[in-house]
Amino acid sequence: MTLSLTVMFLSGVLVFCFNHKHLLLTLFSLEYLVLFLYFIFNIFLMLSGFEIYFILIFLIFSVCEGALGLGVLVSMIRSHGNDYLSSLSVLTW
């Protein structure tokens, strides 16, 4: 089980590190890492016998993070016309 969890985490980090051209792919990899963290928190809280209310708070924050990322993506597409990160003049300094 730890090998599969390690592979899941490393695949999410590698996708985040190597897909730095498109903002949408970067946001997808971040959401994948958030789902992985949710899975790990769920397993940890179930095994240790704690209350599961923390998972609800974590899901609320992850939904807010996803909505914020989607808002940034929509505003960038409206202003620049695509989701290429290289087209932003802020990142080319």
Protein backbone atom coordinates (compact mmCIF):
# COMPACT_ATOMS: atom_id res chain seq x y z
CA MET A 1 0.00 0.00 0.00
CA THR A 2 2.83 2.41 0.75
CA LEU A 3 4.36 1.74 -2.66
CA SER A 4 1.12 2.67 -4.43
CA LEU A 5 0.77 5.80 -2.30
CA THR A 6 4.33 6.79 -3.08
CA VAL A 7 3.75 6.26 -6.80
CA MET A 8 0.55 8.35 -6.64
CA PHE A 9 2.33 11.20 -4.89
CA LEU A 10 5.39 11.14 -7.14
CA SER A 11 3.26 11.06 -10.30
CA GLY A 12 1.35 14.13 -9.12
CA VAL A 13 4.55 16.00 -8.30
CA LEU A 14 6.20 15.03 -11.60
CA VAL A 15 3.19 16.17 -13.62
CA PHE A 16 3.20 19.45 -11.68
CA CYS A 17 6.93 19.98 -12.28
CA PHE A 18 7.11 19.05 -15.96
CA ASN A 19 3.87 20.55 -17.30
CA HIS A 20 4.71 24.17 -16.72
CA LYS A 21 3.51 25.49 -20.07
CA HIS A 22 -0.24 25.22 -19.60
CA LEU A 23 -1.98 26.62 -16.55
CA LEU A 24 -4.85 24.15 -16.90
CA LEU A 25 -2.55 21.12 -16.66
CA THR A 26 -0.84 22.67 -13.66
CA LEU A 27 -4.19 23.20 -11.95
CA PHE A 28 -5.22 19.61 -12.71
CA SER A 29 -2.05 18.28 -11.12
CA LEU A 30 -2.59 20.46 -8.05
CA GLU A 31 -6.14 19.13 -7.71
CA TYR A 32 -4.75 15.61 -8.00
CA LEU A 33 -2.34 16.33 -5.16
CA VAL A 34 -5.21 17.73 -3.07
CA LEU A 35 -7.19 14.52 -3.67
CA PHE A 36 -4.15 12.51 -2.66
CA LEU A 37 -3.86 14.53 0.57
CA TYR A 38 -7.56 13.97 1.23
CA PHE A 39 -7.03 10.23 0.82
CA ILE A 40 -4.06 10.25 3.19
CA PHE A 41 -5.92 12.33 5.80
CA ASN A 42 -8.88 9.99 5.58
CA ILE A 43 -6.71 6.92 6.15
CA PHE A 44 -4.82 8.61 9.00
CA LEU A 45 -7.97 9.76 10.80
CA MET A 46 -9.68 6.39 10.40
CA LEU A 47 -6.69 4.47 11.77
CA SER A 48 -6.05 6.80 14.69
CA GLY A 49 -9.71 7.05 15.77
CA PHE A 50 -10.10 10.83 15.54
CA GLU A 51 -13.22 12.67 14.44
CA ILE A 52 -13.68 13.14 10.74
CA TYR A 53 -14.77 16.81 10.93
CA PHE A 54 -11.29 17.86 9.88
CA ILE A 55 -11.86 16.17 6.53
CA LEU A 56 -14.94 18.33 5.98
CA ILE A 57 -12.93 21.49 6.68
CA PHE A 58 -10.18 20.26 4.35
CA LEU A 59 -12.73 19.65 1.58
CA ILE A 60 -14.13 23.15 2.03
CA PHE A 61 -10.66 24.67 1.64
CA SER A 62 -9.87 22.48 -1.36
CA VAL A 63 -13.09 23.51 -3.11
CA CYS A 64 -12.22 27.17 -2.46
CA GLU A 65 -8.75 26.56 -3.89
CA GLY A 66 -10.22 24.94 -7.00
CA ALA A 67 -12.67 27.80 -7.52
CA LEU A 68 -9.88 30.35 -7.11
CA GLY A 69 -7.71 28.52 -9.65
CA LEU A 70 -10.59 28.34 -12.11
CA GLY A 71 -11.25 32.06 -11.68
CA VAL A 72 -7.60 32.85 -12.39
CA LEU A 73 -7.70 30.61 -15.48
CA VAL A 74 -10.85 32.26 -16.84
CA SER A 75 -9.53 35.78 -16.28
CA MET A 76 -6.21 34.90 -17.92
CA ILE A 77 -7.93 33.37 -20.95
CA ARG A 78 -10.13 36.46 -21.29
CA SER A 79 -7.18 38.82 -21.14
CA HIS A 80 -4.55 36.84 -23.11
CA GLY A 81 -6.59 34.47 -25.27
CA ASN A 82 -4.96 31.17 -24.23
CA ASP A 83 -3.70 29.33 -21.16
CA TYR A 84 -0.01 29.34 -22.09
CA LEU A 85 2.01 30.51 -19.11
CA SER A 86 4.76 31.75 -21.40
CA SER A 87 2.43 34.37 -22.90
CA LEU A 88 2.24 36.26 -19.62
CA SER A 89 4.52 39.26 -19.52
CA VAL A 90 4.88 38.94 -15.71
CA LEU A 91 6.70 35.61 -15.96
CA THR A 92 9.16 36.72 -18.63
CA TRP A 93 11.03 39.20 -16.41
